[in-house]
Amino acid sequence: MAEPVTKSVLFVCLGNICRSPIAEAVFRKLVSDQKISENWVIDSGAVSDWNVGRSPDPRAVCSLRNHGIHTAHKERRITKEDFATFDYILCMDESNLRDLNRKRNQVKTCKAKIELLGSYDPQKQFIIEDPYYGNDSDFEAVYQQCVRCCRAFLDKAH
């Protein structure tokens, strides 16, 4: 029997404490539920270095917990190596996309396909808005959008 192909995805937002850790945790749960975790390397990171080492925003953790999902993620900034090692780098908005493309131009080897996670949204909401200055319902909206997008991405990449 052939070895399963391992794919890798890095979810990225500005600070890696709201949107990208939610997307990472949602995607981990999806691949776990399908019993294909060993086929995926999954992580998330920030384009900024504001929150390095911090846990996700408590509202993000609460939103995930409300859906039975746990995360132990610690914020990290994306590295030049990420562009060479990940198959996909999926970000949340146009500002993230600009930052990633700028960083990509500074690396020798980029194998990663850089896209908006929202480009997979069946409801065509391409931007996953930052809920940081919002309330619990904004975090829930991010969670729901990440579920839709991650499911569609997994179906396409699987």
N, C-alpha and C. Protein backbone atom coordinates (compact mmCIF):
# COMPACT_ATOMS: atom_id res chain seq x y z
N MET A 1 0.83 -1.18 0.00
CA MET A 1 0.00 0.00 0.00
C MET A 1 0.89 1.26 0.00
N ALA A 2 0.51 2.24 -0.79
CA ALA A 2 1.30 3.47 -0.90
C ALA A 2 1.19 4.30 0.37
N GLU A 3 2.30 4.97 0.70
CA GLU A 3 2.31 5.88 1.85
C GLU A 3 1.39 7.06 1.54
N PRO A 4 0.62 7.52 2.54
CA PRO A 4 -0.21 8.70 2.29
C PRO A 4 0.67 9.92 2.05
N VAL A 5 0.22 10.77 1.17
CA VAL A 5 0.96 11.99 0.87
C VAL A 5 0.69 12.99 1.98
N THR A 6 1.76 13.59 2.49
CA THR A 6 1.61 14.61 3.52
C THR A 6 1.54 15.96 2.85
N LYS A 7 0.54 16.74 3.23
CA LYS A 7 0.40 18.11 2.76
C LYS A 7 0.55 19.03 3.96
N SER A 8 0.81 20.29 3.69
CA SER A 8 1.00 21.23 4.80
C SER A 8 0.29 22.55 4.51
N VAL A 9 -0.25 23.11 5.59
CA VAL A 9 -0.96 24.39 5.47
C VAL A 9 -0.62 25.26 6.68
N LEU A 10 -0.39 26.53 6.38
CA LEU A 10 -0.12 27.55 7.39
C LEU A 10 -1.18 28.62 7.27
N PHE A 11 -1.94 28.83 8.34
CA PHE A 11 -2.96 29.88 8.37
C PHE A 11 -2.33 31.14 8.94
N VAL A 12 -2.58 32.29 8.31
CA VAL A 12 -1.90 33.52 8.70
C VAL A 12 -2.90 34.68 8.84
N CYS A 13 -2.70 35.45 9.91
CA CYS A 13 -3.41 36.72 10.07
C CYS A 13 -2.42 37.73 10.65
N LEU A 14 -2.90 38.89 11.02
CA LEU A 14 -2.01 39.95 11.46
C LEU A 14 -1.26 39.59 12.74
N GLY A 15 -1.99 39.18 13.78
CA GLY A 15 -1.36 38.97 15.08
C GLY A 15 -1.31 37.53 15.56
N ASN A 16 -1.98 36.61 14.86
CA ASN A 16 -2.00 35.18 15.20
C ASN A 16 -2.57 34.91 16.59
N ILE A 17 -3.56 35.74 16.98
CA ILE A 17 -4.23 35.46 18.26
C ILE A 17 -5.75 35.35 18.10
N CYS A 18 -6.27 35.65 16.91
CA CYS A 18 -7.73 35.57 16.70
C CYS A 18 -8.06 34.64 15.53
N ARG A 19 -7.93 35.16 14.31
CA ARG A 19 -8.41 34.43 13.14
C ARG A 19 -7.60 33.19 12.80
N SER A 20 -6.28 33.34 12.69
CA SER A 20 -5.49 32.18 12.24
C SER A 20 -5.47 31.04 13.26
N PRO A 21 -5.43 31.29 14.58
CA PRO A 21 -5.52 30.15 15.49
C PRO A 21 -6.88 29.46 15.44
N ILE A 22 -7.95 30.24 15.17
CA ILE A 22 -9.26 29.62 15.00
C ILE A 22 -9.24 28.73 13.77
N ALA A 23 -8.73 29.25 12.65
CA ALA A 23 -8.67 28.45 11.42
C ALA A 23 -7.81 27.19 11.62
N GLU A 24 -6.67 27.35 12.29
CA GLU A 24 -5.79 26.21 12.54
C GLU A 24 -6.53 25.14 13.36
N ALA A 25 -7.18 25.54 14.44
CA ALA A 25 -7.88 24.59 15.31
C ALA A 25 -9.04 23.93 14.58
N VAL A 26 -9.78 24.69 13.80
CA VAL A 26 -10.90 24.15 13.02
C VAL A 26 -10.38 23.11 12.03
N PHE A 27 -9.30 23.45 11.33
CA PHE A 27 -8.76 22.53 10.33
C PHE A 27 -8.22 21.26 10.99
N ARG A 28 -7.54 21.40 12.14
CA ARG A 28 -7.06 20.22 12.88
C ARG A 28 -8.22 19.29 13.23
N LYS A 29 -9.35 19.88 13.67
CA LYS A 29 -10.52 19.08 14.03
C LYS A 29 -11.10 18.38 12.80
N LEU A 30 -11.16 19.09 11.68
CA LEU A 30 -11.70 18.47 10.46
C LEU A 30 -10.86 17.27 10.02
N VAL A 31 -9.54 17.43 10.00
CA VAL A 31 -8.70 16.30 9.56
C VAL A 31 -8.70 15.19 10.59
N SER A 32 -8.82 15.54 11.86
CA SER A 32 -8.91 14.53 12.92
C SER A 32 -10.21 13.72 12.77
N ASP A 33 -11.32 14.43 12.54
CA ASP A 33 -12.61 13.76 12.37
C ASP A 33 -12.60 12.82 11.17
N GLN A 34 -11.83 13.18 10.13
CA GLN A 34 -11.73 12.32 8.94
C GLN A 34 -10.62 11.28 9.08
N LYS A 35 -9.96 11.28 10.24
CA LYS A 35 -8.87 10.34 10.53
C LYS A 35 -7.74 10.41 9.50
N ILE A 36 -7.40 11.66 9.13
CA ILE A 36 -6.29 11.88 8.19
C ILE A 36 -5.25 12.84 8.75
N SER A 37 -5.21 12.96 10.09
CA SER A 37 -4.26 13.90 10.72
C SER A 37 -2.82 13.63 10.32
N GLU A 38 -2.47 12.35 10.17
CA GLU A 38 -1.09 12.02 9.81
C GLU A 38 -0.72 12.48 8.40
N ASN A 39 -1.72 12.86 7.61
CA ASN A 39 -1.46 13.32 6.24
C ASN A 39 -1.22 14.83 6.16
N TRP A 40 -1.33 15.52 7.30
CA TRP A 40 -1.26 16.98 7.29
C TRP A 40 -0.30 17.53 8.32
N VAL A 41 0.44 18.56 7.93
CA VAL A 41 1.19 19.42 8.84
C VAL A 41 0.41 20.73 8.87
N ILE A 42 -0.01 21.14 10.07
CA ILE A 42 -0.90 22.29 10.21
C ILE A 42 -0.31 23.25 11.25
N ASP A 43 -0.29 24.54 10.91
CA ASP A 43 0.22 25.54 11.84
C ASP A 43 -0.44 26.87 11.52
N SER A 44 -0.15 27.87 12.34
CA SER A 44 -0.59 29.22 12.04
C SER A 44 0.48 30.19 12.50
N GLY A 45 0.44 31.39 11.92
CA GLY A 45 1.45 32.38 12.24
C GLY A 45 0.94 33.78 11.96
N ALA A 46 1.76 34.76 12.31
CA ALA A 46 1.42 36.17 12.16
C ALA A 46 2.36 36.85 11.18
N VAL A 47 1.85 37.90 10.54
CA VAL A 47 2.74 38.73 9.74
C VAL A 47 3.42 39.78 10.62
N SER A 48 2.86 40.04 11.80
CA SER A 48 3.49 40.98 12.73
C SER A 48 4.19 40.21 13.85
N ASP A 49 4.95 40.93 14.65
CA ASP A 49 5.62 40.27 15.78
C ASP A 49 5.11 40.82 17.11
N TRP A 50 3.90 41.35 17.13
CA TRP A 50 3.35 41.98 18.32
C TRP A 50 3.10 41.00 19.46
N ASN A 51 2.71 39.78 19.15
CA ASN A 51 2.18 38.87 20.16
C ASN A 51 3.00 37.59 20.33
N VAL A 52 4.24 37.58 19.90
CA VAL A 52 5.04 36.35 19.89
C VAL A 52 4.99 35.66 21.26
N GLY A 53 4.63 34.38 21.22
CA GLY A 53 4.59 33.57 22.43
C GLY A 53 3.29 33.62 23.20
N ARG A 54 2.39 34.52 22.81
CA ARG A 54 1.11 34.64 23.52
C ARG A 54 0.13 33.57 23.09
N SER A 55 -0.78 33.24 23.98
CA SER A 55 -1.88 32.34 23.67
C SER A 55 -2.91 33.11 22.85
N PRO A 56 -3.81 32.39 22.17
CA PRO A 56 -4.86 33.09 21.43
C PRO A 56 -5.73 33.95 22.36
N ASP A 57 -6.37 34.93 21.78
CA ASP A 57 -7.30 35.81 22.49
C ASP A 57 -8.31 34.93 23.24
N PRO A 58 -8.62 35.25 24.50
CA PRO A 58 -9.57 34.43 25.27
C PRO A 58 -10.92 34.27 24.57
N ARG A 59 -11.34 35.27 23.80
CA ARG A 59 -12.61 35.16 23.07
C ARG A 59 -12.52 34.14 21.95
N ALA A 60 -11.34 34.01 21.33
CA ALA A 60 -11.14 32.99 20.31
C ALA A 60 -11.17 31.60 20.95
N VAL A 61 -10.49 31.47 22.08
CA VAL A 61 -10.46 30.20 22.82
C VAL A 61 -11.88 29.81 23.23
N CYS A 62 -12.64 30.78 23.72
CA CYS A 62 -14.02 30.53 24.16
C CYS A 62 -14.90 30.10 22.98
N SER A 63 -14.75 30.77 21.86
CA SER A 63 -15.52 30.40 20.67
C SER A 63 -15.23 28.96 20.25
N LEU A 64 -13.95 28.60 20.24
CA LEU A 64 -13.58 27.22 19.90
C LEU A 64 -14.14 26.24 20.92
N ARG A 65 -13.98 26.56 22.20
CA ARG A 65 -14.45 25.67 23.27
C ARG A 65 -15.95 25.45 23.17
N ASN A 66 -16.70 26.49 22.78
CA ASN A 66 -18.15 26.36 22.61
C ASN A 66 -18.52 25.32 21.56
N HIS A 67 -17.56 25.01 20.69
CA HIS A 67 -17.77 24.02 19.63
C HIS A 67 -16.97 22.74 19.90
N GLY A 68 -16.50 22.59 21.13
CA GLY A 68 -15.79 21.36 21.51
C GLY A 68 -14.39 21.25 20.95
N ILE A 69 -13.75 22.38 20.66
CA ILE A 69 -12.41 22.37 20.07
C ILE A 69 -11.44 23.01 21.05
N HIS A 70 -10.31 22.36 21.26
CA HIS A 70 -9.26 22.86 22.16
C HIS A 70 -8.09 23.35 21.31
N THR A 71 -7.40 24.37 21.80
CA THR A 71 -6.16 24.80 21.16
C THR A 71 -5.11 25.09 22.23
N ALA A 72 -3.88 24.71 21.94
CA ALA A 72 -2.75 25.01 22.82
C ALA A 72 -1.75 25.88 22.07
N HIS A 73 -2.20 26.52 21.00
CA HIS A 73 -1.33 27.30 20.13
C HIS A 73 -0.68 28.47 20.87
N LYS A 74 0.57 28.74 20.52
CA LYS A 74 1.28 29.95 20.96
C LYS A 74 1.64 30.73 19.71
N GLU A 75 1.41 32.05 19.77
CA GLU A 75 1.64 32.89 18.61
C GLU A 75 3.09 32.83 18.15
N ARG A 76 3.24 32.80 16.84
CA ARG A 76 4.57 32.90 16.26
C ARG A 76 4.49 33.74 14.98
N ARG A 77 5.60 34.35 14.66
CA ARG A 77 5.69 35.11 13.41
C ARG A 77 6.11 34.16 12.29
N ILE A 78 5.58 34.38 11.10
CA ILE A 78 5.99 33.55 9.98
C ILE A 78 7.47 33.79 9.67
N THR A 79 8.09 32.77 9.12
CA THR A 79 9.53 32.84 8.81
C THR A 79 9.74 32.65 7.31
N LYS A 80 10.94 32.99 6.87
CA LYS A 80 11.28 32.76 5.46
C LYS A 80 11.18 31.28 5.12
N GLU A 81 11.52 30.41 6.07
CA GLU A 81 11.47 28.96 5.84
C GLU A 81 10.05 28.49 5.57
N ASP A 82 9.06 29.17 6.16
CA ASP A 82 7.66 28.78 5.94
C ASP A 82 7.30 28.79 4.46
N PHE A 83 7.84 29.73 3.72
CA PHE A 83 7.53 29.84 2.29
C PHE A 83 8.08 28.65 1.51
N ALA A 84 9.15 28.07 2.00
CA ALA A 84 9.78 26.93 1.31
C ALA A 84 9.22 25.59 1.79
N THR A 85 8.65 25.55 2.99
CA THR A 85 8.25 24.26 3.54
C THR A 85 6.75 23.99 3.46
N PHE A 86 5.91 25.02 3.51
CA PHE A 86 4.46 24.79 3.46
C PHE A 86 3.96 24.73 2.03
N ASP A 87 2.98 23.85 1.80
CA ASP A 87 2.34 23.76 0.48
C ASP A 87 1.38 24.93 0.27
N TYR A 88 0.67 25.28 1.34
CA TYR A 88 -0.32 26.36 1.28
C TYR A 88 -0.10 27.33 2.44
N ILE A 89 -0.19 28.62 2.13
CA ILE A 89 -0.26 29.65 3.15
C ILE A 89 -1.57 30.39 2.89
N LEU A 90 -2.51 30.22 3.82
CA LEU A 90 -3.85 30.78 3.65
C LEU A 90 -4.05 31.91 4.65
N CYS A 91 -4.33 33.11 4.14
CA CYS A 91 -4.45 34.29 5.00
C CYS A 91 -5.88 34.82 5.01
N MET A 92 -6.10 35.82 5.84
CA MET A 92 -7.46 36.24 6.16
C MET A 92 -7.97 37.48 5.41
N ASP A 93 -7.06 38.37 4.99
CA ASP A 93 -7.53 39.58 4.31
C ASP A 93 -6.47 40.10 3.34
N GLU A 94 -6.84 41.15 2.61
CA GLU A 94 -5.93 41.68 1.57
C GLU A 94 -4.63 42.22 2.15
N SER A 95 -4.69 42.80 3.34
CA SER A 95 -3.49 43.32 3.98
C SER A 95 -2.51 42.18 4.28
N ASN A 96 -3.04 41.07 4.80
CA ASN A 96 -2.18 39.88 5.03
C ASN A 96 -1.58 39.41 3.72
N LEU A 97 -2.40 39.39 2.67
CA LEU A 97 -1.95 38.92 1.36
C LEU A 97 -0.83 39.79 0.82
N ARG A 98 -0.98 41.10 0.95
CA ARG A 98 0.08 42.03 0.51
C ARG A 98 1.37 41.78 1.29
N ASP A 99 1.24 41.66 2.62
CA ASP A 99 2.41 41.41 3.47
C ASP A 99 3.09 40.10 3.08
N LEU A 100 2.31 39.06 2.85
CA LEU A 100 2.89 37.76 2.48
C LEU A 100 3.58 37.81 1.13
N ASN A 101 2.97 38.49 0.17
CA ASN A 101 3.59 38.60 -1.15
C ASN A 101 4.87 39.42 -1.09
N ARG A 102 4.89 40.43 -0.24
CA ARG A 102 6.11 41.22 -0.05
C ARG A 102 7.21 40.33 0.55
N LYS A 103 6.85 39.54 1.56
CA LYS A 103 7.82 38.64 2.19
C LYS A 103 8.27 37.55 1.21
N ARG A 104 7.34 37.06 0.38
CA ARG A 104 7.69 36.03 -0.60
C ARG A 104 8.78 36.54 -1.55
N ASN A 105 8.73 37.81 -1.89
CA ASN A 105 9.73 38.39 -2.79
C ASN A 105 11.12 38.45 -2.17
N GLN A 106 11.21 38.23 -0.86
CA GLN A 106 12.50 38.28 -0.16
C GLN A 106 13.09 36.89 0.05
N VAL A 107 12.40 35.85 -0.41
CA VAL A 107 12.93 34.50 -0.22
C VAL A 107 13.35 33.90 -1.55
N LYS A 108 14.34 33.02 -1.47
CA LYS A 108 14.85 32.39 -2.69
C LYS A 108 13.88 31.35 -3.22
N THR A 109 13.37 30.52 -2.32
CA THR A 109 12.50 29.42 -2.73
C THR A 109 11.15 29.55 -2.07
N CYS A 110 10.11 29.59 -2.91
CA CYS A 110 8.75 29.63 -2.39
C CYS A 110 7.95 28.55 -3.07
N LYS A 111 7.65 27.49 -2.33
CA LYS A 111 6.80 26.44 -2.90
C LYS A 111 5.34 26.65 -2.52
N ALA A 112 5.10 27.50 -1.50
CA ALA A 112 3.76 27.70 -0.98
C ALA A 112 2.86 28.42 -1.97
N LYS A 113 1.63 27.94 -2.04
CA LYS A 113 0.58 28.64 -2.78
C LYS A 113 -0.06 29.59 -1.75
N ILE A 114 0.02 30.88 -2.02
CA ILE A 114 -0.47 31.89 -1.08
C ILE A 114 -1.83 32.38 -1.56
N GLU A 115 -2.84 32.21 -0.69
CA GLU A 115 -4.20 32.56 -1.07
C GLU A 115 -4.97 33.10 0.14
N LEU A 116 -6.09 33.73 -0.15
CA LEU A 116 -7.04 34.08 0.90
C LEU A 116 -7.79 32.81 1.30
N LEU A 117 -7.86 32.52 2.59
CA LEU A 117 -8.68 31.39 3.04
C LEU A 117 -10.11 31.57 2.56
N GLY A 118 -10.58 32.81 2.57
CA GLY A 118 -11.95 33.10 2.14
C GLY A 118 -12.22 32.80 0.67
N SER A 119 -11.18 32.59 -0.13
CA SER A 119 -11.40 32.23 -1.53
C SER A 119 -12.06 30.86 -1.65
N TYR A 120 -12.06 30.09 -0.55
CA TYR A 120 -12.71 28.78 -0.55
C TYR A 120 -14.13 28.84 0.01
N ASP A 121 -14.57 30.02 0.44
CA ASP A 121 -15.88 30.15 1.09
C ASP A 121 -17.00 29.91 0.08
N PRO A 122 -17.83 28.88 0.30
CA PRO A 122 -18.96 28.65 -0.61
C PRO A 122 -19.94 29.83 -0.62
N GLN A 123 -19.94 30.63 0.45
CA GLN A 123 -20.81 31.81 0.51
C GLN A 123 -20.14 33.06 -0.09
N LYS A 124 -18.93 32.88 -0.62
CA LYS A 124 -18.21 33.95 -1.33
C LYS A 124 -17.89 35.16 -0.45
N GLN A 125 -17.70 34.94 0.85
CA GLN A 125 -17.22 36.01 1.73
C GLN A 125 -15.70 35.86 1.76
N PHE A 126 -15.04 36.58 0.87
CA PHE A 126 -13.60 36.38 0.67
C PHE A 126 -12.74 36.87 1.82
N ILE A 127 -13.22 37.87 2.55
CA ILE A 127 -12.43 38.45 3.63
C ILE A 127 -12.95 37.93 4.97
N ILE A 128 -12.03 37.45 5.80
CA ILE A 128 -12.38 37.05 7.16
C ILE A 128 -11.96 38.23 8.04
N GLU A 129 -12.96 38.98 8.46
CA GLU A 129 -12.72 40.23 9.19
C GLU A 129 -12.11 39.96 10.55
N ASP A 130 -11.21 40.86 10.97
CA ASP A 130 -10.56 40.75 12.27
C ASP A 130 -11.57 41.06 13.37
N PRO A 131 -11.83 40.11 14.28
CA PRO A 131 -12.83 40.35 15.33
C PRO A 131 -12.25 41.00 16.59
N TYR A 132 -10.96 41.33 16.59
CA TYR A 132 -10.27 41.78 17.80
C TYR A 132 -11.01 42.91 18.52
N TYR A 133 -11.48 43.90 17.77
CA TYR A 133 -12.17 45.05 18.39
C TYR A 133 -13.67 44.83 18.47
N GLY A 134 -14.10 43.61 18.18
CA GLY A 134 -15.52 43.30 18.21
C GLY A 134 -15.92 42.58 19.48
N ASN A 135 -17.01 41.82 19.37
CA ASN A 135 -17.54 41.11 20.54
C ASN A 135 -17.62 39.60 20.25
N ASP A 136 -18.22 38.86 21.15
CA ASP A 136 -18.29 37.41 21.02
C ASP A 136 -18.94 36.97 19.72
N SER A 137 -19.95 37.72 19.28
CA SER A 137 -20.63 37.33 18.03
C SER A 137 -19.70 37.48 16.82
N ASP A 138 -18.77 38.43 16.88
CA ASP A 138 -17.79 38.59 15.80
C ASP A 138 -16.85 37.39 15.76
N PHE A 139 -16.47 36.89 16.93
CA PHE A 139 -15.61 35.70 16.98
C PHE A 139 -16.37 34.47 16.48
N GLU A 140 -17.64 34.40 16.81
CA GLU A 140 -18.47 33.29 16.32
C GLU A 140 -18.59 33.35 14.80
N ALA A 141 -18.74 34.54 14.25
CA ALA A 141 -18.81 34.70 12.79
C ALA A 141 -17.51 34.22 12.14
N VAL A 142 -16.37 34.57 12.74
CA VAL A 142 -15.07 34.10 12.23
C VAL A 142 -15.00 32.57 12.28
N TYR A 143 -15.44 32.01 13.41
CA TYR A 143 -15.45 30.55 13.55
C TYR A 143 -16.27 29.91 12.43
N GLN A 144 -17.49 30.39 12.23
CA GLN A 144 -18.38 29.80 11.21
C GLN A 144 -17.78 29.94 9.81
N GLN A 145 -17.20 31.08 9.53
CA GLN A 145 -16.58 31.28 8.21
C GLN A 145 -15.37 30.36 8.05
N CYS A 146 -14.57 30.20 9.10
CA CYS A 146 -13.42 29.29 9.04
C CYS A 146 -13.87 27.85 8.81
N VAL A 147 -14.97 27.45 9.45
CA VAL A 147 -15.49 26.09 9.23
C VAL A 147 -15.83 25.89 7.75
N ARG A 148 -16.59 26.84 7.19
CA ARG A 148 -16.97 26.71 5.77
C ARG A 148 -15.74 26.66 4.86
N CYS A 149 -14.82 27.59 5.09
CA CYS A 149 -13.63 27.71 4.23
C CYS A 149 -12.72 26.49 4.38
N CYS A 150 -12.47 26.08 5.61
CA CYS A 150 -11.57 24.95 5.86
C CYS A 150 -12.15 23.66 5.29
N ARG A 151 -13.45 23.49 5.42
CA ARG A 151 -14.10 22.30 4.85
C ARG A 151 -13.92 22.27 3.33
N ALA A 152 -14.19 23.41 2.68
CA ALA A 152 -14.06 23.50 1.23
C ALA A 152 -12.61 23.33 0.79
N PHE A 153 -11.68 23.92 1.54
CA PHE A 153 -10.26 23.77 1.23
C PHE A 153 -9.85 22.32 1.34
N LEU A 154 -10.26 21.64 2.42
CA LEU A 154 -9.91 20.24 2.63
C LEU A 154 -10.47 19.38 1.50
N ASP A 155 -11.71 19.64 1.10
CA ASP A 155 -12.31 18.87 0.00
C ASP A 155 -11.51 19.02 -1.28
N LYS A 156 -11.02 20.25 -1.53
CA LYS A 156 -10.26 20.52 -2.76
C LYS A 156 -8.83 19.95 -2.66
N ALA A 157 -8.22 20.07 -1.50
CA ALA A 157 -6.80 19.66 -1.35
C ALA A 157 -6.64 18.18 -1.04
N HIS A 158 -7.69 17.54 -0.61
CA HIS A 158 -7.67 16.15 -0.13
C HIS A 158 -7.47 15.17 -1.27
